[in-house]
PDB file of N, CA and C in Angstrom:
ATOM      1  N   MET A   1     -82.725 -47.627  54.503  1.00  0.00           N
ATOM      2  CA  MET A   1     -81.106 -47.349  54.731  1.00  0.00           C
ATOM      3  C   MET A   1     -80.904 -47.521  56.183  1.00  0.00           C
ATOM      4  N   ILE A   2     -81.977 -46.595  56.841  1.00  0.00           N
ATOM      5  CA  ILE A   2     -81.627 -46.433  58.417  1.00  0.00           C
ATOM      6  C   ILE A   2     -81.722 -47.769  59.229  1.00  0.00           C
ATOM      7  N   TYR A   3     -82.242 -48.744  58.617  1.00  0.00           N
ATOM      8  CA  TYR A   3     -82.346 -50.121  59.129  1.00  0.00           C
ATOM      9  C   TYR A   3     -81.013 -50.909  58.922  1.00  0.00           C
ATOM     10  N   PHE A   4     -80.575 -50.689  57.904  1.00  0.00           N
ATOM     11  CA  PHE A   4     -79.363 -51.136  57.474  1.00  0.00           C
ATOM     12  C   PHE A   4     -78.118 -50.731  58.517  1.00  0.00           C
ATOM     13  N   LEU A   5     -78.108 -49.514  58.611  1.00  0.00           N
ATOM     14  CA  LEU A   5     -77.167 -48.759  59.547  1.00  0.00           C
ATOM     15  C   LEU A   5     -77.202 -49.205  60.970  1.00  0.00           C
ATOM     16  N   ILE A   6     -78.558 -49.234  61.333  1.00  0.00           N
ATOM     17  CA  ILE A   6     -78.694 -49.929  62.854  1.00  0.00           C
ATOM     18  C   ILE A   6     -78.111 -51.388  62.939  1.00  0.00           C
ATOM     19  N   GLY A   7     -78.302 -52.052  61.761  1.00  0.00           N
ATOM     20  CA  GLY A   7     -77.872 -53.430  61.866  1.00  0.00           C
ATOM     21  C   GLY A   7     -76.348 -53.532  61.834  1.00  0.00           C
ATOM     22  N   VAL A   8     -75.702 -52.670  60.874  1.00  0.00           N
ATOM     23  CA  VAL A   8     -74.152 -52.547  61.171  1.00  0.00           C
ATOM     24  C   VAL A   8     -73.780 -52.219  62.549  1.00  0.00           C
ATOM     25  N   GLY A   9     -74.305 -51.274  62.973  1.00  0.00           N
ATOM     26  CA  GLY A   9     -73.913 -50.833  64.381  1.00  0.00           C
ATOM     27  C   GLY A   9     -74.096 -51.915  65.265  1.00  0.00           C
ATOM     28  N   ALA A  10     -75.319 -52.760  65.115  1.00  0.00           N
ATOM     29  CA  ALA A  10     -75.758 -53.827  66.016  1.00  0.00           C
ATOM     30  C   ALA A  10     -74.640 -54.962  65.988  1.00  0.00           C
ATOM     31  N   PHE A  11     -74.058 -55.316  64.710  1.00  0.00           N
ATOM     32  CA  PHE A  11     -73.196 -56.397  64.436  1.00  0.00           C
ATOM     33  C   PHE A  11     -71.721 -56.081  64.963  1.00  0.00           C
ATOM     34  N   PHE A  12     -71.409 -54.746  64.946  1.00  0.00           N
ATOM     35  CA  PHE A  12     -70.129 -54.326  65.596  1.00  0.00           C
ATOM     36  C   PHE A  12     -70.363 -54.500  67.137  1.00  0.00           C
ATOM     37  N   GLY A  13     -71.496 -54.076  67.705  1.00  0.00           N
ATOM     38  CA  GLY A  13     -71.745 -53.997  69.127  1.00  0.00           C
ATOM     39  C   GLY A  13     -71.726 -55.454  69.700  1.00  0.00           C
ATOM     40  N   ALA A  14     -72.262 -56.150  68.801  1.00  0.00           N
ATOM     41  CA  ALA A  14     -72.389 -57.812  69.379  1.00  0.00           C
ATOM     42  C   ALA A  14     -70.970 -58.291  69.280  1.00  0.00           C
ATOM     43  N   ILE A  15     -70.358 -57.947  68.392  1.00  0.00           N
ATOM     44  CA  ILE A  15     -68.985 -58.735  68.067  1.00  0.00           C
ATOM     45  C   ILE A  15     -68.064 -58.157  69.055  1.00  0.00           C
ATOM     46  N   SER A  16     -68.188 -56.974  69.552  1.00  0.00           N
ATOM     47  CA  SER A  16     -67.398 -56.328  70.424  1.00  0.00           C
ATOM     48  C   SER A  16     -67.528 -56.943  71.867  1.00  0.00           C
ATOM     49  N   ARG A  17     -68.909 -57.060  72.092  1.00  0.00           N
ATOM     50  CA  ARG A  17     -69.347 -57.773  73.503  1.00  0.00           C
ATOM     51  C   ARG A  17     -68.745 -58.937  73.650  1.00  0.00           C
ATOM     52  N   TYR A  18     -68.905 -59.888  72.586  1.00  0.00           N
ATOM     53  CA  TYR A  18     -68.540 -61.272  72.635  1.00  0.00           C
ATOM     54  C   TYR A  18     -66.820 -61.250  72.787  1.00  0.00           C
ATOM     55  N   LEU A  19     -66.179 -60.594  72.043  1.00  0.00           N
ATOM     56  CA  LEU A  19     -64.737 -60.690  72.533  1.00  0.00           C
ATOM     57  C   LEU A  19     -64.520 -60.272  73.707  1.00  0.00           C
ATOM     58  N   LEU A  20     -64.978 -59.026  74.169  1.00  0.00           N
ATOM     59  CA  LEU A  20     -64.368 -58.364  75.507  1.00  0.00           C
ATOM     60  C   LEU A  20     -64.965 -59.260  76.619  1.00  0.00           C
ATOM     61  N   SER A  21     -66.471 -59.690  76.576  1.00  0.00           N
ATOM     62  CA  SER A  21     -66.759 -60.441  77.736  1.00  0.00           C
ATOM     63  C   SER A  21     -66.189 -61.944  77.664  1.00  0.00           C
ATOM     64  N   GLY A  22     -65.718 -62.331  76.522  1.00  0.00           N
ATOM     65  CA  GLY A  22     -64.791 -63.558  76.385  1.00  0.00           C
ATOM     66  C   GLY A  22     -63.609 -63.333  76.997  1.00  0.00           C
ATOM     67  N   TYR A  23     -62.995 -62.514  76.743  1.00  0.00           N
ATOM     68  CA  TYR A  23     -61.622 -62.315  77.370  1.00  0.00           C
ATOM     69  C   TYR A  23     -61.526 -61.832  78.873  1.00  0.00           C
ATOM     70  N   LEU A  24     -62.765 -61.287  79.046  1.00  0.00           N
ATOM     71  CA  LEU A  24     -62.956 -61.103  80.702  1.00  0.00           C
ATOM     72  C   LEU A  24     -63.698 -62.366  81.350  1.00  0.00           C
ATOM     73  N   GLU A  25     -64.057 -63.301  80.877  1.00  0.00           N
ATOM     74  CA  GLU A  25     -64.694 -64.306  81.528  1.00  0.00           C
ATOM     75  C   GLU A  25     -64.035 -64.966  82.630  1.00  0.00           C
ATOM     76  N   LYS A  26     -62.805 -64.811  82.689  1.00  0.00           N
ATOM     77  CA  LYS A  26     -62.052 -65.820  83.604  1.00  0.00           C
ATOM     78  C   LYS A  26     -62.111 -64.893  85.120  1.00  0.00           C
ATOM     79  N   LEU A  27     -62.395 -63.600  84.967  1.00  0.00           N
ATOM     80  CA  LEU A  27     -62.403 -62.756  86.263  1.00  0.00           C
ATOM     81  C   LEU A  27     -63.775 -63.216  87.157  1.00  0.00           C
ATOM     82  N   LEU A  28     -63.602 -63.561  88.198  1.00  0.00           N
ATOM     83  CA  LEU A  28     -64.783 -63.743  88.959  1.00  0.00           C
ATOM     84  C   LEU A  28     -64.511 -62.933  90.331  1.00  0.00           C
ATOM     85  N   LEU A  29     -65.816 -62.365  90.971  1.00  0.00           N
ATOM     86  CA  LEU A  29     -66.018 -61.821  92.097  1.00  0.00           C
ATOM     87  C   LEU A  29     -67.111 -62.855  92.882  1.00  0.00           C
ATOM     88  N   LEU A  30     -66.592 -63.408  93.964  1.00  0.00           N
ATOM     89  CA  LEU A  30     -67.327 -64.294  94.829  1.00  0.00           C
ATOM     90  C   LEU A  30     -68.011 -65.472  93.974  1.00  0.00           C
ATOM     91  N   GLY A  31     -67.281 -65.760  92.881  1.00  0.00           N
ATOM     92  CA  GLY A  31     -67.833 -66.914  92.085  1.00  0.00           C
ATOM     93  C   GLY A  31     -68.590 -66.391  90.969  1.00  0.00           C
ATOM     94  N   PHE A  32     -68.842 -65.306  90.735  1.00  0.00           N
ATOM     95  CA  PHE A  32     -69.792 -64.486  89.656  1.00  0.00           C
ATOM     96  C   PHE A  32     -68.840 -64.002  88.653  1.00  0.00           C
ATOM     97  N   PRO A  33     -69.146 -64.241  87.356  1.00  0.00           N
ATOM     98  CA  PRO A  33     -68.411 -63.761  86.302  1.00  0.00           C
ATOM     99  C   PRO A  33     -68.570 -62.526  85.997  1.00  0.00           C
ATOM    100  N   LEU A  34     -67.158 -61.682  85.871  1.00  0.00           N
ATOM    101  CA  LEU A  34     -67.309 -60.357  85.705  1.00  0.00           C
ATOM    102  C   LEU A  34     -67.331 -59.645  84.148  1.00  0.00           C
ATOM    103  N   GLY A  35     -67.326 -60.665  83.242  1.00  0.00           N
ATOM    104  CA  GLY A  35     -67.039 -60.033  81.812  1.00  0.00           C
ATOM    105  C   GLY A  35     -68.351 -59.300  81.215  1.00  0.00           C
ATOM    106  N   THR A  36     -69.457 -59.897  81.574  1.00  0.00           N
ATOM    107  CA  THR A  36     -70.728 -59.256  80.934  1.00  0.00           C
ATOM    108  C   THR A  36     -71.084 -57.912  81.974  1.00  0.00           C
ATOM    109  N   VAL A  37     -70.570 -58.028  83.340  1.00  0.00           N
ATOM    110  CA  VAL A  37     -70.690 -57.036  83.968  1.00  0.00           C
ATOM    111  C   VAL A  37     -69.842 -55.627  83.616  1.00  0.00           C
ATOM    112  N   ILE A  38     -68.543 -56.068  83.570  1.00  0.00           N
ATOM    113  CA  ILE A  38     -67.819 -54.908  82.919  1.00  0.00           C
ATOM    114  C   ILE A  38     -68.266 -54.259  81.667  1.00  0.00           C
ATOM    115  N   VAL A  39     -68.669 -55.336  80.414  1.00  0.00           N
ATOM    116  CA  VAL A  39     -69.139 -54.756  79.514  1.00  0.00           C
ATOM    117  C   VAL A  39     -70.375 -53.919  79.546  1.00  0.00           C
ATOM    118  N   ASN A  40     -71.255 -54.315  80.294  1.00  0.00           N
ATOM    119  CA  ASN A  40     -72.390 -53.427  80.741  1.00  0.00           C
ATOM    120  C   ASN A  40     -72.053 -52.094  81.563  1.00  0.00           C
ATOM    121  N   LEU A  41     -71.080 -52.139  82.201  1.00  0.00           N
ATOM    122  CA  LEU A  41     -70.767 -50.865  82.963  1.00  0.00           C
ATOM    123  C   LEU A  41     -69.934 -49.987  82.000  1.00  0.00           C
ATOM    124  N   ILE A  42     -69.213 -50.431  81.016  1.00  0.00           N
ATOM    125  CA  ILE A  42     -68.789 -49.668  79.967  1.00  0.00           C
ATOM    126  C   ILE A  42     -69.762 -48.909  79.184  1.00  0.00           C
ATOM    127  N   GLY A  43     -70.600 -49.963  78.722  1.00  0.00           N
ATOM    128  CA  GLY A  43     -71.689 -49.529  77.729  1.00  0.00           C
ATOM    129  C   GLY A  43     -72.581 -48.522  78.284  1.00  0.00           C
ATOM    130  N   CYS A  44     -72.949 -48.851  79.543  1.00  0.00           N
ATOM    131  CA  CYS A  44     -73.742 -47.562  80.287  1.00  0.00           C
ATOM    132  C   CYS A  44     -72.868 -46.209  80.301  1.00  0.00           C
ATOM    133  N   TYR A  45     -71.769 -46.285  80.781  1.00  0.00           N
ATOM    134  CA  TYR A  45     -70.976 -45.158  80.555  1.00  0.00           C
ATOM    135  C   TYR A  45     -70.919 -44.302  79.433  1.00  0.00           C
ATOM    136  N   LEU A  46     -70.801 -45.337  78.295  1.00  0.00           N
ATOM    137  CA  LEU A  46     -70.733 -44.633  76.828  1.00  0.00           C
ATOM    138  C   LEU A  46     -71.971 -44.080  76.609  1.00  0.00           C
ATOM    139  N   ILE A  47     -73.135 -44.662  77.041  1.00  0.00           N
ATOM    140  CA  ILE A  47     -74.541 -44.077  76.679  1.00  0.00           C
ATOM    141  C   ILE A  47     -74.758 -42.902  77.308  1.00  0.00           C
ATOM    142  N   GLY A  48     -74.042 -42.703  78.500  1.00  0.00           N
ATOM    143  CA  GLY A  48     -74.112 -41.470  79.448  1.00  0.00           C
ATOM    144  C   GLY A  48     -73.597 -40.239  78.464  1.00  0.00           C
ATOM    145  N   ILE A  49     -72.098 -40.696  78.169  1.00  0.00           N
ATOM    146  CA  ILE A  49     -71.606 -39.848  77.312  1.00  0.00           C
ATOM    147  C   ILE A  49     -72.306 -39.543  75.972  1.00  0.00           C
ATOM    148  N   PHE A  50     -72.824 -40.435  75.525  1.00  0.00           N
ATOM    149  CA  PHE A  50     -73.658 -40.140  74.164  1.00  0.00           C
ATOM    150  C   PHE A  50     -74.823 -39.272  74.525  1.00  0.00           C
ATOM    151  N   ILE A  51     -75.415 -39.259  75.617  1.00  0.00           N
ATOM    152  CA  ILE A  51     -76.520 -38.402  75.845  1.00  0.00           C
ATOM    153  C   ILE A  51     -75.988 -36.902  76.374  1.00  0.00           C
ATOM    154  N   ALA A  52     -74.950 -36.838  76.889  1.00  0.00           N
ATOM    155  CA  ALA A  52     -74.157 -35.701  77.414  1.00  0.00           C
ATOM    156  C   ALA A  52     -74.112 -34.687  75.932  1.00  0.00           C
ATOM    157  N   PHE A  53     -73.351 -35.509  75.032  1.00  0.00           N
ATOM    158  CA  PHE A  53     -73.223 -34.821  73.582  1.00  0.00           C
ATOM    159  C   PHE A  53     -74.392 -34.614  72.906  1.00  0.00           C
ATOM    160  N   ASN A  54     -75.453 -35.044  73.328  1.00  0.00           N
ATOM    161  CA  ASN A  54     -76.537 -34.980  72.556  1.00  0.00           C
ATOM    162  C   ASN A  54     -76.558 -35.491  71.225  1.00  0.00           C
ATOM    163  N   PHE A  55     -75.856 -36.498  70.856  1.00  0.00           N
ATOM    164  CA  PHE A  55     -75.841 -37.178  69.578  1.00  0.00           C
ATOM    165  C   PHE A  55     -77.063 -37.572  68.930  1.00  0.00           C
ATOM    166  N   SER A  56     -78.081 -37.750  69.929  1.00  0.00           N
ATOM    167  CA  SER A  56     -79.367 -38.369  69.611  1.00  0.00           C
ATOM    168  C   SER A  56     -80.234 -37.637  68.612  1.00  0.00           C
ATOM    169  N   ASN A  57     -79.845 -36.316  68.619  1.00  0.00           N
ATOM    170  CA  ASN A  57     -80.462 -35.563  67.694  1.00  0.00           C
ATOM    171  C   ASN A  57     -79.711 -35.410  66.148  1.00  0.00           C
ATOM    172  N   LYS A  58     -78.765 -36.122  66.074  1.00  0.00           N
ATOM    173  CA  LYS A  58     -78.038 -36.097  64.755  1.00  0.00           C
ATOM    174  C   LYS A  58     -78.838 -37.284  63.880  1.00  0.00           C
ATOM    175  N   ASP A  59     -78.717 -37.247  62.668  1.00  0.00           N
ATOM    176  CA  ASP A  59     -79.563 -37.955  61.914  1.00  0.00           C
ATOM    177  C   ASP A  59     -79.181 -39.491  61.794  1.00  0.00           C
ATOM    178  N   LEU A  60     -77.769 -39.939  61.705  1.00  0.00           N
ATOM    179  CA  LEU A  60     -77.340 -41.128  61.412  1.00  0.00           C
ATOM    180  C   LEU A  60     -76.582 -41.657  62.706  1.00  0.00           C
ATOM    181  N   ILE A  61     -75.947 -40.875  63.535  1.00  0.00           N
ATOM    182  CA  ILE A  61     -75.233 -40.880  64.609  1.00  0.00           C
ATOM    183  C   ILE A  61     -76.007 -41.790  65.808  1.00  0.00           C
ATOM    184  N   GLY A  62     -77.331 -41.132  65.892  1.00  0.00           N
ATOM    185  CA  GLY A  62     -78.143 -41.586  67.106  1.00  0.00           C
ATOM    186  C   GLY A  62     -78.587 -43.247  66.915  1.00  0.00           C
ATOM    187  N   PRO A  63     -78.983 -43.476  65.674  1.00  0.00           N
ATOM    188  CA  PRO A  63     -79.588 -44.898  65.369  1.00  0.00           C
ATOM    189  C   PRO A  63     -78.238 -46.004  65.431  1.00  0.00           C
ATOM    190  N   ILE A  64     -77.170 -45.432  64.531  1.00  0.00           N
ATOM    191  CA  ILE A  64     -76.108 -46.327  64.569  1.00  0.00           C
ATOM    192  C   ILE A  64     -75.576 -46.750  65.728  1.00  0.00           C
ATOM    193  N   VAL A  65     -75.218 -45.476  66.618  1.00  0.00           N
ATOM    194  CA  VAL A  65     -74.423 -45.833  67.844  1.00  0.00           C
ATOM    195  C   VAL A  65     -75.295 -46.263  69.081  1.00  0.00           C
ATOM    196  N   ALA A  66     -76.461 -45.450  69.280  1.00  0.00           N
ATOM    197  CA  ALA A  66     -77.248 -45.849  70.468  1.00  0.00           C
ATOM    198  C   ALA A  66     -78.367 -47.215  70.331  1.00  0.00           C
ATOM    199  N   ILE A  67     -78.919 -46.938  69.062  1.00  0.00           N
ATOM    200  CA  ILE A  67     -79.730 -48.046  68.978  1.00  0.00           C
ATOM    201  C   ILE A  67     -78.949 -49.420  68.352  1.00  0.00           C
ATOM    202  N   GLY A  68     -77.980 -49.242  67.635  1.00  0.00           N
ATOM    203  CA  GLY A  68     -77.198 -50.399  67.026  1.00  0.00           C
ATOM    204  C   GLY A  68     -76.177 -50.842  68.031  1.00  0.00           C
ATOM    205  N   TYR A  69     -75.076 -50.097  67.855  1.00  0.00           N
ATOM    206  CA  TYR A  69     -73.947 -50.592  68.498  1.00  0.00           C
ATOM    207  C   TYR A  69     -74.173 -50.695  70.234  1.00  0.00           C
ATOM    208  N   LEU A  70     -74.321 -49.589  70.838  1.00  0.00           N
ATOM    209  CA  LEU A  70     -74.432 -49.952  72.231  1.00  0.00           C
ATOM    210  C   LEU A  70     -75.714 -50.745  72.804  1.00  0.00           C
ATOM    211  N   SER A  71     -76.802 -50.825  72.179  1.00  0.00           N
ATOM    212  CA  SER A  71     -77.876 -51.936  72.308  1.00  0.00           C
ATOM    213  C   SER A  71     -77.434 -53.171  72.492  1.00  0.00           C
ATOM    214  N   SER A  72     -76.492 -53.526  71.486  1.00  0.00           N
ATOM    215  CA  SER A  72     -76.255 -54.752  71.255  1.00  0.00           C
ATOM    216  C   SER A  72     -75.055 -55.086  72.170  1.00  0.00           C
ATOM    217  N   PHE A  73     -74.292 -54.184  72.297  1.00  0.00           N
ATOM    218  CA  PHE A  73     -73.039 -54.226  73.211  1.00  0.00           C
ATOM    219  C   PHE A  73     -73.303 -54.557  74.642  1.00  0.00           C
ATOM    220  N   THR A  74     -74.202 -53.704  75.236  1.00  0.00           N
ATOM    221  CA  THR A  74     -74.801 -54.160  76.487  1.00  0.00           C
ATOM    222  C   THR A  74     -76.137 -55.064  76.401  1.00  0.00           C
ATOM    223  N   THR A  75     -76.098 -56.212  77.145  1.00  0.00           N
ATOM    224  CA  THR A  75     -77.234 -56.952  76.852  1.00  0.00           C
ATOM    225  C   THR A  75     -77.725 -57.346  78.334  1.00  0.00           C
ATOM    226  N   PHE A  76     -79.037 -57.032  78.587  1.00  0.00           N
ATOM    227  CA  PHE A  76     -79.667 -57.131  79.743  1.00  0.00           C
ATOM    228  C   PHE A  76     -79.992 -58.866  79.790  1.00  0.00           C
ATOM    229  N   SER A  77     -80.147 -59.629  78.764  1.00  0.00           N
ATOM    230  CA  SER A  77     -80.458 -60.815  78.938  1.00  0.00           C
ATOM    231  C   SER A  77     -79.374 -61.864  79.127  1.00  0.00           C
ATOM    232  N   ALA A  78     -78.150 -61.356  78.810  1.00  0.00           N
ATOM    233  CA  ALA A  78     -76.717 -62.051  79.181  1.00  0.00           C
ATOM    234  C   ALA A  78     -76.619 -61.905  80.785  1.00  0.00           C
ATOM    235  N   PHE A  79     -76.688 -60.729  81.073  1.00  0.00           N
ATOM    236  CA  PHE A  79     -76.500 -60.430  82.559  1.00  0.00           C
ATOM    237  C   PHE A  79     -77.528 -61.382  83.535  1.00  0.00           C
ATOM    238  N   THR A  80     -78.789 -61.285  82.889  1.00  0.00           N
ATOM    239  CA  THR A  80     -79.899 -62.011  83.605  1.00  0.00           C
ATOM    240  C   THR A  80     -79.542 -63.772  83.562  1.00  0.00           C
ATOM    241  N   LYS A  81     -78.990 -64.138  82.333  1.00  0.00           N
ATOM    242  CA  LYS A  81     -78.658 -65.460  82.485  1.00  0.00           C
ATOM    243  C   LYS A  81     -77.642 -65.903  83.416  1.00  0.00           C
ATOM    244  N   GLU A  82     -76.565 -64.980  83.613  1.00  0.00           N
ATOM    245  CA  GLU A  82     -75.495 -65.167  84.502  1.00  0.00           C
ATOM    246  C   GLU A  82     -76.124 -65.002  85.930  1.00  0.00           C
ATOM    247  N   ILE A  83     -76.952 -64.181  86.428  1.00  0.00           N
ATOM    248  CA  ILE A  83     -77.531 -64.067  87.591  1.00  0.00           C
ATOM    249  C   ILE A  83     -78.406 -65.589  87.899  1.00  0.00           C
ATOM    250  N   LEU A  84     -79.106 -65.964  86.835  1.00  0.00           N
ATOM    251  CA  LEU A  84     -79.758 -67.369  86.919  1.00  0.00           C
ATOM    252  C   LEU A  84     -78.828 -68.438  87.285  1.00  0.00           C
ATOM    253  N   LEU A  85     -77.700 -68.694  86.405  1.00  0.00           N
ATOM    254  CA  LEU A  85     -76.762 -69.509  86.648  1.00  0.00           C
ATOM    255  C   LEU A  85     -75.855 -69.363  88.116  1.00  0.00           C
ATOM    256  N   PHE A  86     -75.581 -68.368  88.377  1.00  0.00           N
ATOM    257  CA  PHE A  86     -75.121 -68.061  89.734  1.00  0.00           C
ATOM    258  C   PHE A  86     -76.122 -68.436  90.852  1.00  0.00           C
ATOM    259  N   SER A  87     -77.320 -68.205  90.858  1.00  0.00           N
ATOM    260  CA  SER A  87     -78.273 -68.707  91.606  1.00  0.00           C
ATOM    261  C   SER A  87     -78.679 -70.184  91.988  1.00  0.00           C
ATOM    262  N   ASN A  88     -78.235 -70.659  90.626  1.00  0.00           N
ATOM    263  CA  ASN A  88     -78.203 -72.502  90.759  1.00  0.00           C
ATOM    264  C   ASN A  88     -77.238 -72.895  91.923  1.00  0.00           C
ATOM    265  N   SER A  89     -76.150 -72.092  91.722  1.00  0.00           N
ATOM    266  CA  SER A  89     -75.097 -72.808  92.775  1.00  0.00           C
ATOM    267  C   SER A  89     -74.780 -71.894  94.063  1.00  0.00           C
ATOM    268  N   ASN A  90     -75.334 -70.877  94.091  1.00  0.00           N
ATOM    269  CA  ASN A  90     -75.301 -69.843  95.296  1.00  0.00           C
ATOM    270  C   ASN A  90     -76.567 -69.454  95.982  1.00  0.00           C
ATOM    271  N   GLY A  91     -78.003 -69.839  95.333  1.00  0.00           N
ATOM    272  CA  GLY A  91     -78.935 -69.463  96.123  1.00  0.00           C
ATOM    273  C   GLY A  91     -79.677 -67.957  95.502  1.00  0.00           C
ATOM    274  N   TRP A  92     -80.728 -68.014  95.787  1.00  0.00           N
ATOM    275  CA  TRP A  92     -81.585 -66.820  95.093  1.00  0.00           C
ATOM    276  C   TRP A  92     -81.092 -65.486  95.995  1.00  0.00           C
ATOM    277  N   ILE A  93     -81.186 -65.397  97.226  1.00  0.00           N
ATOM    278  CA  ILE A  93     -80.650 -64.265  98.154  1.00  0.00           C
ATOM    279  C   ILE A  93     -79.414 -63.539  97.657  1.00  0.00           C
ATOM    280  N   PRO A  94     -78.366 -64.456  97.606  1.00  0.00           N
ATOM    281  CA  PRO A  94     -76.997 -63.728  97.053  1.00  0.00           C
ATOM    282  C   PRO A  94     -77.261 -63.282  95.595  1.00  0.00           C
ATOM    283  N   SER A  95     -78.026 -63.995  94.951  1.00  0.00           N
ATOM    284  CA  SER A  95     -78.034 -63.449  93.548  1.00  0.00           C
ATOM    285  C   SER A  95     -78.774 -62.383  93.320  1.00  0.00           C
ATOM    286  N   ILE A  96     -79.861 -62.121  93.959  1.00  0.00           N
ATOM    287  CA  ILE A  96     -80.790 -60.878  94.025  1.00  0.00           C
ATOM    288  C   ILE A  96     -79.965 -59.712  94.553  1.00  0.00           C
ATOM    289  N   PHE A  97     -79.058 -60.021  95.677  1.00  0.00           N
ATOM    290  CA  PHE A  97     -78.245 -59.027  96.082  1.00  0.00           C
ATOM    291  C   PHE A  97     -77.264 -58.427  95.062  1.00  0.00           C
ATOM    292  N   ILE A  98     -76.519 -59.525  94.621  1.00  0.00           N
ATOM    293  CA  ILE A  98     -75.551 -59.087  93.570  1.00  0.00           C
ATOM    294  C   ILE A  98     -76.294 -58.310  92.075  1.00  0.00           C
ATOM    295  N   ALA A  99     -77.560 -59.015  91.661  1.00  0.00           N
ATOM    296  CA  ALA A  99     -78.327 -58.247  90.694  1.00  0.00           C
ATOM    297  C   ALA A  99     -78.599 -56.808  91.125  1.00  0.00           C
ATOM    298  N   LEU A 100     -79.067 -56.530  92.350  1.00  0.00           N
ATOM    299  CA  LEU A 100     -79.345 -55.236  92.720  1.00  0.00           C
ATOM    300  C   LEU A 100     -77.832 -54.315  92.698  1.00  0.00           C
ATOM    301  N   ILE A 101     -77.014 -54.655  93.068  1.00  0.00           N
ATOM    302  CA  ILE A 101     -75.762 -54.004  93.215  1.00  0.00           C
ATOM    303  C   ILE A 101     -75.111 -53.856  91.842  1.00  0.00           C
ATOM    304  N   ILE A 102     -75.309 -54.650  90.825  1.00  0.00           N
ATOM    305  CA  ILE A 102     -74.811 -54.421  89.319  1.00  0.00           C
ATOM    306  C   ILE A 102     -75.510 -53.680  88.761  1.00  0.00           C
ATOM    307  N   SER A 103     -76.974 -53.504  88.921  1.00  0.00           N
ATOM    308  CA  SER A 103     -77.963 -52.705  88.480  1.00  0.00           C
ATOM    309  C   SER A 103     -77.670 -51.355  88.742  1.00  0.00           C
ATOM    310  N   SER A 104     -77.417 -51.105  90.049  1.00  0.00           N
ATOM    311  CA  SER A 104     -77.105 -49.810  90.617  1.00  0.00           C
ATOM    312  C   SER A 104     -76.005 -49.420  90.097  1.00  0.00           C
ATOM    313  N   LEU A 105     -74.886 -50.268  90.203  1.00  0.00           N
ATOM    314  CA  LEU A 105     -73.537 -49.525  89.335  1.00  0.00           C
ATOM    315  C   LEU A 105     -73.705 -49.181  87.975  1.00  0.00           C
ATOM    316  N   CYS A 106     -74.536 -49.980  87.179  1.00  0.00           N
ATOM    317  CA  CYS A 106     -74.838 -49.329  85.687  1.00  0.00           C
ATOM    318  C   CYS A 106     -75.700 -48.338  85.761  1.00  0.00           C
ATOM    319  N   VAL A 107     -76.507 -47.932  86.583  1.00  0.00           N
ATOM    320  CA  VAL A 107     -77.212 -46.758  86.585  1.00  0.00           C
ATOM    321  C   VAL A 107     -76.382 -45.483  86.793  1.00  0.00           C
ATOM    322  N   PHE A 108     -75.256 -46.025  88.075  1.00  0.00           N
ATOM    323  CA  PHE A 108     -74.244 -44.865  88.487  1.00  0.00           C
ATOM    324  C   PHE A 108     -73.326 -44.557  87.279  1.00  0.00           C
ATOM    325  N   SER A 109     -73.057 -45.740  86.541  1.00  0.00           N
ATOM    326  CA  SER A 109     -72.093 -45.396  85.404  1.00  0.00           C
ATOM    327  C   SER A 109     -72.619 -44.451  84.233  1.00  0.00           C
ATOM    328  N   THR A 110     -73.944 -44.850  83.975  1.00  0.00           N
ATOM    329  CA  THR A 110     -74.559 -43.884  82.829  1.00  0.00           C
ATOM    330  C   THR A 110     -74.606 -42.574  83.494  1.00  0.00           C
ATOM    331  N   PHE A 111     -74.913 -42.215  84.978  1.00  0.00           N
ATOM    332  CA  PHE A 111     -74.962 -40.847  85.398  1.00  0.00           C
ATOM    333  C   PHE A 111     -73.549 -40.116  85.320  1.00  0.00           C
ATOM    334  N   MET A 112     -72.706 -40.916  85.766  1.00  0.00           N
ATOM    335  CA  MET A 112     -71.292 -40.445  85.724  1.00  0.00           C
ATOM    336  C   MET A 112     -70.720 -40.300  84.327  1.00  0.00           C
ATOM    337  N   GLY A 113     -71.004 -40.996  83.240  1.00  0.00           N
ATOM    338  CA  GLY A 113     -70.663 -40.620  81.849  1.00  0.00           C
ATOM    339  C   GLY A 113     -71.253 -39.253  81.399  1.00  0.00           C
ATOM    340  N   HIS A 114     -72.626 -39.226  81.889  1.00  0.00           N
ATOM    341  CA  HIS A 114     -73.310 -37.913  81.629  1.00  0.00           C
ATOM    342  C   HIS A 114     -72.837 -36.657  82.163  1.00  0.00           C
ATOM    343  N   LYS A 115     -72.616 -37.111  83.536  1.00  0.00           N
ATOM    344  CA  LYS A 115     -71.990 -35.724  84.234  1.00  0.00           C
ATOM    345  C   LYS A 115     -70.626 -35.112  83.916  1.00  0.00           C
ATOM    346  N   MET A 116     -69.805 -36.307  83.592  1.00  0.00           N
ATOM    347  CA  MET A 116     -68.521 -36.000  83.309  1.00  0.00           C
ATOM    348  C   MET A 116     -68.204 -35.145  82.063  1.00  0.00           C
ATOM    349  N   PHE A 117     -69.310 -35.394  80.932  1.00  0.00           N
ATOM    350  CA  PHE A 117     -69.189 -34.734  79.678  1.00  0.00           C
ATOM    351  C   PHE A 117     -70.157 -33.668  79.386  1.00  0.00           C
ATOM    352  N   SER A 118     -71.088 -33.501  80.320  1.00  0.00           N
ATOM    353  CA  SER A 118     -72.102 -32.387  80.040  1.00  0.00           C
ATOM    354  C   SER A 118     -71.755 -31.026  80.755  1.00  0.00           C
TER     355      SER A 118
END
C-alpha cells in the first residue's frame, strides 16, 4: 500500500512540475530558462518546511509528500539537462557558475523554509 501512495504523490509532483515549469519556461535570465530553477527553489523551500514540522515521523505523510510529491516535483536531472543545453551555446565556465549559484540558492531555500517554520 505504501508504494501505491508514494506513486500517487509522485504522479501529482511530476504533473505539478510539468505544468509550472512549462508556464514559466519563457522566463530567462542571461539566456538561462528559469522554469526548472523556480520549481526547484519552491520544492527545496517546501522540504525545509516539511523537515521543520517533523512530518517525516508520520506514517503516511512522509512517504507521500517527501518521497512521492516533492521528489518528483524537484528534479536534478531536469536541472542538469538545462545546464548542459545552456553550456552548448554559452560555454562551460558560465554554465558551471550558474549551476553553483542555483545549487547554493536551493540549499539556502531549504534552510530558510526550515528556519522560518521551526
